[in-house]
PDB file of N, CA and C in Angstrom:
ATOM      1  N   MET A   1       2.334 -24.171   5.778  1.00  0.00           N
ATOM      2  CA  MET A   1       1.217 -23.777   4.985  1.00  0.00           C
ATOM      3  C   MET A   1      -0.073 -24.608   5.372  1.00  0.00           C
ATOM      4  N   THR A   2      -1.176 -23.840   5.419  1.00  0.00           N
ATOM      5  CA  THR A   2      -2.376 -24.529   5.761  1.00  0.00           C
ATOM      6  C   THR A   2      -3.486 -24.100   4.766  1.00  0.00           C
ATOM      7  N   TYR A   3      -4.255 -25.147   4.326  1.00  0.00           N
ATOM      8  CA  TYR A   3      -5.346 -24.840   3.446  1.00  0.00           C
ATOM      9  C   TYR A   3      -6.629 -24.545   4.353  1.00  0.00           C
ATOM     10  N   VAL A   4      -7.326 -23.478   4.104  1.00  0.00           N
ATOM     11  CA  VAL A   4      -8.507 -23.038   4.792  1.00  0.00           C
ATOM     12  C   VAL A   4      -9.768 -23.242   3.931  1.00  0.00           C
ATOM     13  N   PRO A   5     -10.422 -24.364   4.071  1.00  0.00           N
ATOM     14  CA  PRO A   5     -11.555 -24.727   3.204  1.00  0.00           C
ATOM     15  C   PRO A   5     -12.696 -23.626   3.239  1.00  0.00           C
ATOM     16  N   ALA A   6     -12.916 -23.046   4.397  1.00  0.00           N
ATOM     17  CA  ALA A   6     -13.987 -22.086   4.550  1.00  0.00           C
ATOM     18  C   ALA A   6     -13.713 -20.757   3.620  1.00  0.00           C
ATOM     19  N   LEU A   7     -12.415 -20.483   3.349  1.00  0.00           N
ATOM     20  CA  LEU A   7     -12.059 -19.405   2.556  1.00  0.00           C
ATOM     21  C   LEU A   7     -11.546 -19.738   1.194  1.00  0.00           C
ATOM     22  N   GLY A   8     -11.305 -20.944   1.006  1.00  0.00           N
ATOM     23  CA  GLY A   8     -10.702 -21.422  -0.299  1.00  0.00           C
ATOM     24  C   GLY A   8      -9.336 -20.831  -0.581  1.00  0.00           C
ATOM     25  N   LYS A   9      -8.624 -20.716   0.532  1.00  0.00           N
ATOM     26  CA  LYS A   9      -7.240 -20.054   0.495  1.00  0.00           C
ATOM     27  C   LYS A   9      -6.315 -20.901   1.189  1.00  0.00           C
ATOM     28  N   TYR A  10      -5.034 -20.692   0.788  1.00  0.00           N
ATOM     29  CA  TYR A  10      -3.854 -21.245   1.510  1.00  0.00           C
ATOM     30  C   TYR A  10      -3.296 -20.119   2.330  1.00  0.00           C
ATOM     31  N   LEU A  11      -2.970 -20.410   3.552  1.00  0.00           N
ATOM     32  CA  LEU A  11      -2.215 -19.406   4.435  1.00  0.00           C
ATOM     33  C   LEU A  11      -0.873 -19.900   4.701  1.00  0.00           C
ATOM     34  N   MET A  12       0.128 -19.079   4.625  1.00  0.00           N
ATOM     35  CA  MET A  12       1.474 -19.418   4.963  1.00  0.00           C
ATOM     36  C   MET A  12       2.037 -18.447   5.987  1.00  0.00           C
ATOM     37  N   VAL A  13       2.869 -18.892   6.921  1.00  0.00           N
ATOM     38  CA  VAL A  13       3.355 -18.051   7.917  1.00  0.00           C
ATOM     39  C   VAL A  13       4.965 -18.082   7.755  1.00  0.00           C
ATOM     40  N   VAL A  14       5.650 -16.997   7.683  1.00  0.00           N
ATOM     41  CA  VAL A  14       7.085 -16.912   7.517  1.00  0.00           C
ATOM     42  C   VAL A  14       7.660 -16.095   8.650  1.00  0.00           C
ATOM     43  N   SER A  15       8.724 -16.453   9.203  1.00  0.00           N
ATOM     44  CA  SER A  15       9.476 -15.765  10.166  1.00  0.00           C
ATOM     45  C   SER A  15      10.928 -15.486   9.707  1.00  0.00           C
ATOM     46  N   THR A  16      11.385 -14.234   9.741  1.00  0.00           N
ATOM     47  CA  THR A  16      12.645 -13.888   9.274  1.00  0.00           C
ATOM     48  C   THR A  16      13.403 -13.041  10.342  1.00  0.00           C
ATOM     49  N   PRO A  17      14.675 -13.030  10.402  1.00  0.00           N
ATOM     50  CA  PRO A  17      15.360 -12.138  11.443  1.00  0.00           C
ATOM     51  C   PRO A  17      15.153 -10.574  11.008  1.00  0.00           C
ATOM     52  N   THR A  18      14.804  -9.860  12.034  1.00  0.00           N
ATOM     53  CA  THR A  18      14.674  -8.421  11.783  1.00  0.00           C
ATOM     54  C   THR A  18      15.928  -7.821  11.312  1.00  0.00           C
ATOM     55  N   ILE A  19      17.053  -8.248  11.902  1.00  0.00           N
ATOM     56  CA  ILE A  19      18.382  -7.697  11.529  1.00  0.00           C
ATOM     57  C   ILE A  19      19.194  -8.909  10.948  1.00  0.00           C
ATOM     58  N   SER A  20      19.030  -9.111   9.636  1.00  0.00           N
ATOM     59  CA  SER A  20      19.663 -10.266   9.036  1.00  0.00           C
ATOM     60  C   SER A  20      21.228 -10.044   9.016  1.00  0.00           C
ATOM     61  N   PRO A  21      22.009 -11.026   9.174  1.00  0.00           N
ATOM     62  CA  PRO A  21      21.765 -12.501   9.305  1.00  0.00           C
ATOM     63  C   PRO A  21      21.654 -12.942  10.874  1.00  0.00           C
ATOM     64  N   PHE A  22      21.423 -12.030  11.809  1.00  0.00           N
ATOM     65  CA  PHE A  22      21.427 -12.464  13.204  1.00  0.00           C
ATOM     66  C   PHE A  22      20.154 -13.147  13.511  1.00  0.00           C
ATOM     67  N   THR A  23      20.357 -14.475  13.954  1.00  0.00           N
ATOM     68  CA  THR A  23      19.193 -15.312  14.285  1.00  0.00           C
ATOM     69  C   THR A  23      19.002 -15.434  15.802  1.00  0.00           C
ATOM     70  N   VAL A  24      19.665 -14.689  16.572  1.00  0.00           N
ATOM     71  CA  VAL A  24      19.463 -14.647  17.948  1.00  0.00           C
ATOM     72  C   VAL A  24      18.875 -13.297  18.495  1.00  0.00           C
ATOM     73  N   LEU A  25      18.412 -12.569  17.566  1.00  0.00           N
ATOM     74  CA  LEU A  25      17.707 -11.252  17.938  1.00  0.00           C
ATOM     75  C   LEU A  25      16.292 -11.373  17.513  1.00  0.00           C
ATOM     76  N   GLN A  26      15.692 -10.170  17.360  1.00  0.00           N
ATOM     77  CA  GLN A  26      14.163 -10.256  17.076  1.00  0.00           C
ATOM     78  C   GLN A  26      13.870 -10.807  15.601  1.00  0.00           C
ATOM     79  N   PHE A  27      12.704 -11.394  15.489  1.00  0.00           N
ATOM     80  CA  PHE A  27      12.226 -11.914  14.215  1.00  0.00           C
ATOM     81  C   PHE A  27      10.983 -11.130  13.818  1.00  0.00           C
ATOM     82  N   ASP A  28      10.769 -10.933  12.537  1.00  0.00           N
ATOM     83  CA  ASP A  28       9.513 -10.528  11.976  1.00  0.00           C
ATOM     84  C   ASP A  28       8.726 -11.631  11.403  1.00  0.00           C
ATOM     85  N   THR A  29       7.389 -11.537  11.569  1.00  0.00           N
ATOM     86  CA  THR A  29       6.426 -12.663  11.135  1.00  0.00           C
ATOM     87  C   THR A  29       5.544 -12.103  10.100  1.00  0.00           C
ATOM     88  N   TYR A  30       5.299 -12.844   9.086  1.00  0.00           N
ATOM     89  CA  TYR A  30       4.403 -12.480   7.956  1.00  0.00           C
ATOM     90  C   TYR A  30       3.340 -13.572   7.878  1.00  0.00           C
ATOM     91  N   ILE A  31       2.041 -13.197   7.625  1.00  0.00           N
ATOM     92  CA  ILE A  31       1.023 -14.137   7.180  1.00  0.00           C
ATOM     93  C   ILE A  31       0.759 -13.781   5.686  1.00  0.00           C
ATOM     94  N   LEU A  32       0.886 -14.803   4.866  1.00  0.00           N
ATOM     95  CA  LEU A  32       0.521 -14.687   3.443  1.00  0.00           C
ATOM     96  C   LEU A  32      -0.524 -15.496   3.036  1.00  0.00           C
ATOM     97  N   GLU A  33      -1.232 -15.125   1.946  1.00  0.00           N
ATOM     98  CA  GLU A  33      -2.435 -15.866   1.454  1.00  0.00           C
ATOM     99  C   GLU A  33      -2.355 -16.126  -0.093  1.00  0.00           C
ATOM    100  N   SER A  34      -2.906 -17.249  -0.511  1.00  0.00           N
ATOM    101  CA  SER A  34      -2.896 -17.531  -1.966  1.00  0.00           C
ATOM    102  C   SER A  34      -4.015 -18.451  -2.315  1.00  0.00           C
ATOM    103  N   ASP A  35      -4.466 -18.337  -3.529  1.00  0.00           N
ATOM    104  CA  ASP A  35      -5.516 -19.323  -4.019  1.00  0.00           C
ATOM    105  C   ASP A  35      -4.881 -20.650  -4.417  1.00  0.00           C
ATOM    106  N   SER A  36      -3.577 -20.657  -4.494  1.00  0.00           N
ATOM    107  CA  SER A  36      -2.865 -21.899  -5.026  1.00  0.00           C
ATOM    108  C   SER A  36      -1.662 -22.144  -4.111  1.00  0.00           C
ATOM    109  N   MET A  37      -1.262 -23.439  -3.955  1.00  0.00           N
ATOM    110  CA  MET A  37      -0.099 -23.667  -3.176  1.00  0.00           C
ATOM    111  C   MET A  37       1.123 -23.109  -3.777  1.00  0.00           C
ATOM    112  N   THR A  38       1.194 -22.936  -5.064  1.00  0.00           N
ATOM    113  CA  THR A  38       2.336 -22.383  -5.670  1.00  0.00           C
ATOM    114  C   THR A  38       2.380 -20.900  -5.883  1.00  0.00           C
ATOM    115  N   GLY A  39       1.410 -20.264  -5.381  1.00  0.00           N
ATOM    116  CA  GLY A  39       1.340 -18.752  -5.494  1.00  0.00           C
ATOM    117  C   GLY A  39       0.485 -18.296  -6.626  1.00  0.00           C
ATOM    118  N   PRO A  40       0.482 -17.032  -6.873  1.00  0.00           N
ATOM    119  CA  PRO A  40       1.289 -15.983  -6.106  1.00  0.00           C
ATOM    120  C   PRO A  40       0.755 -15.741  -4.754  1.00  0.00           C
ATOM    121  N   TRP A  41       1.700 -15.250  -3.893  1.00  0.00           N
ATOM    122  CA  TRP A  41       1.323 -15.019  -2.452  1.00  0.00           C
ATOM    123  C   TRP A  41       1.163 -13.527  -2.203  1.00  0.00           C
ATOM    124  N   HIS A  42       0.196 -13.188  -1.388  1.00  0.00           N
ATOM    125  CA  HIS A  42      -0.132 -11.814  -0.976  1.00  0.00           C
ATOM    126  C   HIS A  42      -0.035 -11.607   0.460  1.00  0.00           C
ATOM    127  N   SER A  43       0.305 -10.466   0.968  1.00  0.00           N
ATOM    128  CA  SER A  43       0.427 -10.205   2.361  1.00  0.00           C
ATOM    129  C   SER A  43      -0.864 -10.049   3.003  1.00  0.00           C
ATOM    130  N   VAL A  44      -1.043 -10.699   4.186  1.00  0.00           N
ATOM    131  CA  VAL A  44      -2.205 -10.540   5.009  1.00  0.00           C
ATOM    132  C   VAL A  44      -1.905  -9.636   6.193  1.00  0.00           C
ATOM    133  N   VAL A  45      -0.840  -9.919   6.791  1.00  0.00           N
ATOM    134  CA  VAL A  45      -0.402  -9.127   8.039  1.00  0.00           C
ATOM    135  C   VAL A  45       1.138  -9.277   8.137  1.00  0.00           C
ATOM    136  N   TYR A  46       1.747  -8.196   8.560  1.00  0.00           N
ATOM    137  CA  TYR A  46       3.182  -8.094   8.886  1.00  0.00           C
ATOM    138  C   TYR A  46       3.292  -7.790  10.366  1.00  0.00           C
ATOM    139  N   MET A  47       3.994  -8.616  11.251  1.00  0.00           N
ATOM    140  CA  MET A  47       4.121  -8.408  12.617  1.00  0.00           C
ATOM    141  C   MET A  47       5.594  -8.208  12.975  1.00  0.00           C
ATOM    142  N   GLN A  48       5.949  -6.981  13.144  1.00  0.00           N
ATOM    143  CA  GLN A  48       7.313  -6.636  13.399  1.00  0.00           C
ATOM    144  C   GLN A  48       7.743  -7.085  14.781  1.00  0.00           C
ATOM    145  N   GLN A  49       8.925  -7.696  14.941  1.00  0.00           N
ATOM    146  CA  GLN A  49       9.465  -8.236  16.161  1.00  0.00           C
ATOM    147  C   GLN A  49       8.410  -9.047  17.017  1.00  0.00           C
ATOM    148  N   PHE A  50       7.627  -9.922  16.338  1.00  0.00           N
ATOM    149  CA  PHE A  50       6.683 -10.668  16.983  1.00  0.00           C
ATOM    150  C   PHE A  50       7.424 -11.803  17.791  1.00  0.00           C
ATOM    151  N   GLY A  51       7.060 -11.904  19.068  1.00  0.00           N
ATOM    152  CA  GLY A  51       7.576 -12.863  19.935  1.00  0.00           C
ATOM    153  C   GLY A  51       8.476 -12.364  21.124  1.00  0.00           C
ATOM    154  N   PRO A  52       9.516 -11.583  20.846  1.00  0.00           N
ATOM    155  CA  PRO A  52      10.069 -11.124  19.645  1.00  0.00           C
ATOM    156  C   PRO A  52      10.892 -12.115  18.857  1.00  0.00           C
ATOM    157  N   GLU A  53      11.151 -13.278  19.364  1.00  0.00           N
ATOM    158  CA  GLU A  53      11.911 -14.245  18.535  1.00  0.00           C
ATOM    159  C   GLU A  53      10.980 -15.430  18.212  1.00  0.00           C
ATOM    160  N   ALA A  54       9.900 -15.211  17.517  1.00  0.00           N
ATOM    161  CA  ALA A  54       8.916 -16.301  17.211  1.00  0.00           C
ATOM    162  C   ALA A  54       9.584 -17.192  16.150  1.00  0.00           C
ATOM    163  N   TYR A  55       9.338 -18.484  16.340  1.00  0.00           N
ATOM    164  CA  TYR A  55       9.741 -19.407  15.376  1.00  0.00           C
ATOM    165  C   TYR A  55       8.795 -20.551  15.246  1.00  0.00           C
ATOM    166  N   PHE A  56       8.884 -21.275  14.225  1.00  0.00           N
ATOM    167  CA  PHE A  56       7.901 -22.386  13.976  1.00  0.00           C
ATOM    168  C   PHE A  56       6.474 -21.871  14.023  1.00  0.00           C
ATOM    169  N   VAL A  57       6.283 -20.712  13.460  1.00  0.00           N
ATOM    170  CA  VAL A  57       4.943 -20.092  13.477  1.00  0.00           C
ATOM    171  C   VAL A  57       4.028 -20.713  12.414  1.00  0.00           C
ATOM    172  N   ASN A  58       2.890 -21.167  12.805  1.00  0.00           N
ATOM    173  CA  ASN A  58       1.986 -21.755  11.828  1.00  0.00           C
ATOM    174  C   ASN A  58       0.515 -21.618  12.337  1.00  0.00           C
ATOM    175  N   ILE A  59      -0.390 -21.950  11.375  1.00  0.00           N
ATOM    176  CA  ILE A  59      -1.768 -21.859  11.703  1.00  0.00           C
ATOM    177  C   ILE A  59      -2.362 -23.337  11.505  1.00  0.00           C
ATOM    178  N   PRO A  60      -2.443 -24.063  12.680  1.00  0.00           N
ATOM    179  CA  PRO A  60      -2.831 -25.482  12.612  1.00  0.00           C
ATOM    180  C   PRO A  60      -4.267 -25.615  12.059  1.00  0.00           C
ATOM    181  N   SER A  61      -4.473 -26.575  11.166  1.00  0.00           N
ATOM    182  CA  SER A  61      -5.796 -26.844  10.649  1.00  0.00           C
ATOM    183  C   SER A  61      -6.789 -27.328  11.743  1.00  0.00           C
ATOM    184  N   LYS A  62      -6.251 -27.880  12.835  1.00  0.00           N
ATOM    185  CA  LYS A  62      -7.086 -28.377  13.960  1.00  0.00           C
ATOM    186  C   LYS A  62      -8.063 -27.324  14.452  1.00  0.00           C
ATOM    187  N   TRP A  63      -7.571 -26.024  14.480  1.00  0.00           N
ATOM    188  CA  TRP A  63      -8.433 -25.025  15.131  1.00  0.00           C
ATOM    189  C   TRP A  63      -8.951 -23.971  14.193  1.00  0.00           C
ATOM    190  N   LEU A  64      -9.190 -24.386  12.943  1.00  0.00           N
ATOM    191  CA  LEU A  64      -9.695 -23.426  11.919  1.00  0.00           C
ATOM    192  C   LEU A  64     -11.245 -23.323  12.214  1.00  0.00           C
ATOM    193  N   SER A  65     -11.763 -22.092  12.042  1.00  0.00           N
ATOM    194  CA  SER A  65     -13.163 -21.944  12.112  1.00  0.00           C
ATOM    195  C   SER A  65     -13.766 -22.690  10.827  1.00  0.00           C
ATOM    196  N   PRO A  66     -14.806 -23.496  10.989  1.00  0.00           N
ATOM    197  CA  PRO A  66     -15.364 -24.293   9.863  1.00  0.00           C
ATOM    198  C   PRO A  66     -16.160 -23.474   8.819  1.00  0.00           C
ATOM    199  N   ALA A  67     -16.685 -22.343   9.167  1.00  0.00           N
ATOM    200  CA  ALA A  67     -17.564 -21.574   8.259  1.00  0.00           C
ATOM    201  C   ALA A  67     -16.966 -20.270   7.852  1.00  0.00           C
ATOM    202  N   ARG A  68     -17.244 -19.914   6.655  1.00  0.00           N
ATOM    203  CA  ARG A  68     -16.881 -18.586   6.125  1.00  0.00           C
ATOM    204  C   ARG A  68     -17.678 -17.551   6.909  1.00  0.00           C
ATOM    205  N   PRO A  69     -16.929 -16.499   7.420  1.00  0.00           N
ATOM    206  CA  PRO A  69     -17.714 -15.480   8.203  1.00  0.00           C
ATOM    207  C   PRO A  69     -18.649 -14.632   7.366  1.00  0.00           C
ATOM    208  N   ALA A  70     -19.593 -14.059   7.880  1.00  0.00           N
ATOM    209  CA  ALA A  70     -20.475 -13.106   7.195  1.00  0.00           C
ATOM    210  C   ALA A  70     -19.649 -11.900   6.806  1.00  0.00           C
ATOM    211  N   PRO A  71     -20.107 -11.158   5.738  1.00  0.00           N
ATOM    212  CA  PRO A  71     -19.392  -9.961   5.298  1.00  0.00           C
ATOM    213  C   PRO A  71     -19.157  -9.028   6.512  1.00  0.00           C
ATOM    214  N   GLY A  72     -17.966  -8.530   6.627  1.00  0.00           N
ATOM    215  CA  GLY A  72     -17.593  -7.579   7.687  1.00  0.00           C
ATOM    216  C   GLY A  72     -17.185  -8.256   8.912  1.00  0.00           C
ATOM    217  N   GLN A  73     -17.340  -9.604   9.070  1.00  0.00           N
ATOM    218  CA  GLN A  73     -16.935 -10.261  10.302  1.00  0.00           C
ATOM    219  C   GLN A  73     -15.539 -10.976  10.112  1.00  0.00           C
ATOM    220  N   PRO A  74     -14.748 -11.077  11.160  1.00  0.00           N
ATOM    221  CA  PRO A  74     -13.440 -11.710  11.039  1.00  0.00           C
ATOM    222  C   PRO A  74     -13.464 -13.215  10.937  1.00  0.00           C
ATOM    223  N   TYR A  75     -12.439 -13.777  10.365  1.00  0.00           N
ATOM    224  CA  TYR A  75     -12.291 -15.233  10.368  1.00  0.00           C
ATOM    225  C   TYR A  75     -11.453 -15.544  11.479  1.00  0.00           C
ATOM    226  N   GLU A  76     -11.768 -16.576  12.274  1.00  0.00           N
ATOM    227  CA  GLU A  76     -11.093 -16.931  13.523  1.00  0.00           C
ATOM    228  C   GLU A  76     -10.289 -18.200  13.337  1.00  0.00           C
ATOM    229  N   ALA A  77      -9.055 -18.149  13.872  1.00  0.00           N
ATOM    230  CA  ALA A  77      -8.150 -19.346  13.819  1.00  0.00           C
ATOM    231  C   ALA A  77      -7.279 -19.172  15.063  1.00  0.00           C
ATOM    232  N   VAL A  78      -6.200 -20.075  15.076  1.00  0.00           N
ATOM    233  CA  VAL A  78      -5.275 -20.097  16.157  1.00  0.00           C
ATOM    234  C   VAL A  78      -3.903 -20.019  15.572  1.00  0.00           C
ATOM    235  N   LEU A  79      -3.065 -19.126  16.042  1.00  0.00           N
ATOM    236  CA  LEU A  79      -1.706 -19.033  15.654  1.00  0.00           C
ATOM    237  C   LEU A  79      -0.799 -19.835  16.634  1.00  0.00           C
ATOM    238  N   SER A  80       0.066 -20.665  16.179  1.00  0.00           N
ATOM    239  CA  SER A  80       0.796 -21.551  16.997  1.00  0.00           C
ATOM    240  C   SER A  80       2.250 -21.212  16.838  1.00  0.00           C
ATOM    241  N   TYR A  81       3.003 -21.029  17.923  1.00  0.00           N
ATOM    242  CA  TYR A  81       4.436 -20.652  17.758  1.00  0.00           C
ATOM    243  C   TYR A  81       5.230 -20.916  19.083  1.00  0.00           C
ATOM    244  N   SER A  82       6.485 -20.857  18.998  1.00  0.00           N
ATOM    245  CA  SER A  82       7.372 -20.732  20.212  1.00  0.00           C
ATOM    246  C   SER A  82       8.258 -19.527  19.976  1.00  0.00           C
ATOM    247  N   ALA A  83       8.817 -19.027  21.115  1.00  0.00           N
ATOM    248  CA  ALA A  83       9.563 -17.726  20.997  1.00  0.00           C
ATOM    249  C   ALA A  83      10.653 -17.641  22.100  1.00  0.00           C
ATOM    250  N   ASN A  84      11.465 -16.653  21.898  1.00  0.00           N
ATOM    251  CA  ASN A  84      12.411 -16.242  22.911  1.00  0.00           C
ATOM    252  C   ASN A  84      13.393 -17.302  23.352  1.00  0.00           C
ATOM    253  N   PHE A  85      13.981 -18.066  22.427  1.00  0.00           N
ATOM    254  CA  PHE A  85      14.861 -19.122  22.778  1.00  0.00           C
ATOM    255  C   PHE A  85      16.224 -18.589  23.188  1.00  0.00           C
ATOM    256  N   ALA A  86      16.564 -17.282  22.930  1.00  0.00           N
ATOM    257  CA  ALA A  86      17.822 -16.735  23.262  1.00  0.00           C
ATOM    258  C   ALA A  86      17.719 -15.805  24.499  1.00  0.00           C
ATOM    259  N   GLY A  87      16.736 -16.068  25.375  1.00  0.00           N
ATOM    260  CA  GLY A  87      16.630 -15.422  26.661  1.00  0.00           C
ATOM    261  C   GLY A  87      15.935 -14.036  26.543  1.00  0.00           C
ATOM    262  N   MET A  88      15.063 -13.728  25.578  1.00  0.00           N
ATOM    263  CA  MET A  88      14.496 -12.442  25.466  1.00  0.00           C
ATOM    264  C   MET A  88      13.153 -12.442  26.223  1.00  0.00           C
ATOM    265  N   LYS A  89      12.976 -13.233  27.307  1.00  0.00           N
ATOM    266  CA  LYS A  89      11.706 -13.269  28.041  1.00  0.00           C
ATOM    267  C   LYS A  89      11.212 -12.000  28.642  1.00  0.00           C
ATOM    268  N   ASP A  90      12.067 -11.084  28.870  1.00  0.00           N
ATOM    269  CA  ASP A  90      11.614  -9.777  29.435  1.00  0.00           C
ATOM    270  C   ASP A  90      10.914  -8.907  28.332  1.00  0.00           C
ATOM    271  N   LEU A  91      11.100  -9.284  27.107  1.00  0.00           N
ATOM    272  CA  LEU A  91      10.657  -8.479  26.006  1.00  0.00           C
ATOM    273  C   LEU A  91       9.405  -9.172  25.274  1.00  0.00           C
ATOM    274  N   ALA A  92       8.834 -10.086  26.001  1.00  0.00           N
ATOM    275  CA  ALA A  92       7.710 -10.956  25.374  1.00  0.00           C
ATOM    276  C   ALA A  92       6.702 -10.024  24.653  1.00  0.00           C
ATOM    277  N   TYR A  93       6.341 -10.296  23.386  1.00  0.00           N
ATOM    278  CA  TYR A  93       5.337  -9.556  22.686  1.00  0.00           C
ATOM    279  C   TYR A  93       4.779 -10.570  21.695  1.00  0.00           C
ATOM    280  N   PRO A  94       3.490 -10.924  21.827  1.00  0.00           N
ATOM    281  CA  PRO A  94       2.598 -10.480  22.837  1.00  0.00           C
ATOM    282  C   PRO A  94       2.949 -11.059  24.224  1.00  0.00           C
ATOM    283  N   THR A  95       2.249 -10.451  25.298  1.00  0.00           N
ATOM    284  CA  THR A  95       2.523 -10.990  26.634  1.00  0.00           C
ATOM    285  C   THR A  95       2.403 -12.493  26.635  1.00  0.00           C
ATOM    286  N   ASP A  96       3.236 -13.114  27.473  1.00  0.00           N
ATOM    287  CA  ASP A  96       3.189 -14.531  27.581  1.00  0.00           C
ATOM    288  C   ASP A  96       3.878 -15.398  26.565  1.00  0.00           C
ATOM    289  N   SER A  97       4.370 -14.657  25.520  1.00  0.00           N
ATOM    290  CA  SER A  97       5.173 -15.390  24.510  1.00  0.00           C
ATOM    291  C   SER A  97       6.428 -15.944  25.231  1.00  0.00           C
ATOM    292  N   GLY A  98       6.806 -17.202  24.906  1.00  0.00           N
ATOM    293  CA  GLY A  98       7.987 -17.732  25.543  1.00  0.00           C
ATOM    294  C   GLY A  98       8.543 -18.954  24.916  1.00  0.00           C
ATOM    295  N   TYR A  99       9.540 -19.509  25.609  1.00  0.00           N
ATOM    296  CA  TYR A  99      10.291 -20.683  25.053  1.00  0.00           C
ATOM    297  C   TYR A  99       9.410 -21.967  25.438  1.00  0.00           C
ATOM    298  N   TYR A 100       8.218 -22.060  24.838  1.00  0.00           N
ATOM    299  CA  TYR A 100       7.303 -23.102  24.968  1.00  0.00           C
ATOM    300  C   TYR A 100       6.294 -22.964  23.959  1.00  0.00           C
ATOM    301  N   TRP A 101       5.302 -23.834  23.800  1.00  0.00           N
ATOM    302  CA  TRP A 101       4.284 -23.894  22.801  1.00  0.00           C
ATOM    303  C   TRP A 101       3.235 -22.747  23.216  1.00  0.00           C
ATOM    304  N   CYS A 102       3.134 -21.718  22.306  1.00  0.00           N
ATOM    305  CA  CYS A 102       2.190 -20.679  22.459  1.00  0.00           C
ATOM    306  C   CYS A 102       0.995 -20.851  21.464  1.00  0.00           C
ATOM    307  N   LEU A 103      -0.142 -20.645  21.986  1.00  0.00           N
ATOM    308  CA  LEU A 103      -1.356 -20.763  21.127  1.00  0.00           C
ATOM    309  C   LEU A 103      -2.095 -19.362  21.311  1.00  0.00           C
ATOM    310  N   LEU A 104      -2.290 -18.666  20.185  1.00  0.00           N
ATOM    311  CA  LEU A 104      -2.829 -17.369  20.298  1.00  0.00           C
ATOM    312  C   LEU A 104      -4.067 -17.275  19.291  1.00  0.00           C
ATOM    313  N   PRO A 105      -5.239 -16.971  19.815  1.00  0.00           N
ATOM    314  CA  PRO A 105      -6.416 -16.806  18.934  1.00  0.00           C
ATOM    315  C   PRO A 105      -6.156 -15.512  18.083  1.00  0.00           C
ATOM    316  N   ILE A 106      -6.497 -15.798  16.858  1.00  0.00           N
ATOM    317  CA  ILE A 106      -6.348 -14.651  15.848  1.00  0.00           C
ATOM    318  C   ILE A 106      -7.616 -14.412  15.095  1.00  0.00           C
ATOM    319  N   ARG A 107      -7.815 -13.184  14.595  1.00  0.00           N
ATOM    320  CA  ARG A 107      -8.956 -12.870  13.761  1.00  0.00           C
ATOM    321  C   ARG A 107      -8.364 -12.179  12.442  1.00  0.00           C
ATOM    322  N   LEU A 108      -8.779 -12.691  11.302  1.00  0.00           N
ATOM    323  CA  LEU A 108      -8.371 -12.140  10.109  1.00  0.00           C
ATOM    324  C   LEU A 108      -9.546 -11.541   9.394  1.00  0.00           C
ATOM    325  N   THR A 109      -9.389 -10.278   8.852  1.00  0.00           N
ATOM    326  CA  THR A 109     -10.384  -9.651   8.096  1.00  0.00           C
ATOM    327  C   THR A 109     -10.492 -10.256   6.668  1.00  0.00           C
ATOM    328  N   VAL A 110     -11.673 -10.657   6.305  1.00  0.00           N
ATOM    329  CA  VAL A 110     -11.905 -11.257   4.963  1.00  0.00           C
ATOM    330  C   VAL A 110     -12.583 -10.310   4.072  1.00  0.00           C
ATOM    331  N   SER A 111     -11.951 -10.063   2.961  1.00  0.00           N
ATOM    332  CA  SER A 111     -12.515  -9.176   1.960  1.00  0.00           C
ATOM    333  C   SER A 111     -13.465  -9.997   0.943  1.00  0.00           C
ATOM    334  N   SER A 112     -14.376  -9.389   0.339  1.00  0.00           N
ATOM    335  CA  SER A 112     -15.296 -10.068  -0.528  1.00  0.00           C
ATOM    336  C   SER A 112     -14.681 -10.591  -1.790  1.00  0.00           C
TER     337      SER A 112
END
């Protein structure tokens, strides 16, 4: 979970097996937001088979954009994760996802 001062929101990233309970196949990843650490939480984005085995997915506070974007502009941050620990390197999504530290610039649409 990461607090984003520019938005006054908490962001949480969750990864779950696409086909539960199998943890060596694809994972789905969700980004959730809340005004409070204890929720309620609301979906920001759902990424089916991200990685496709993305794990330890988070949004490090180190690379948060410091200012709230203007209306209609995206909020920029970095998504940190590792992926494909069970040898799914030929299925990398997004490209270059792998069994190492991946840093992916992201843009989130901010509603008023």
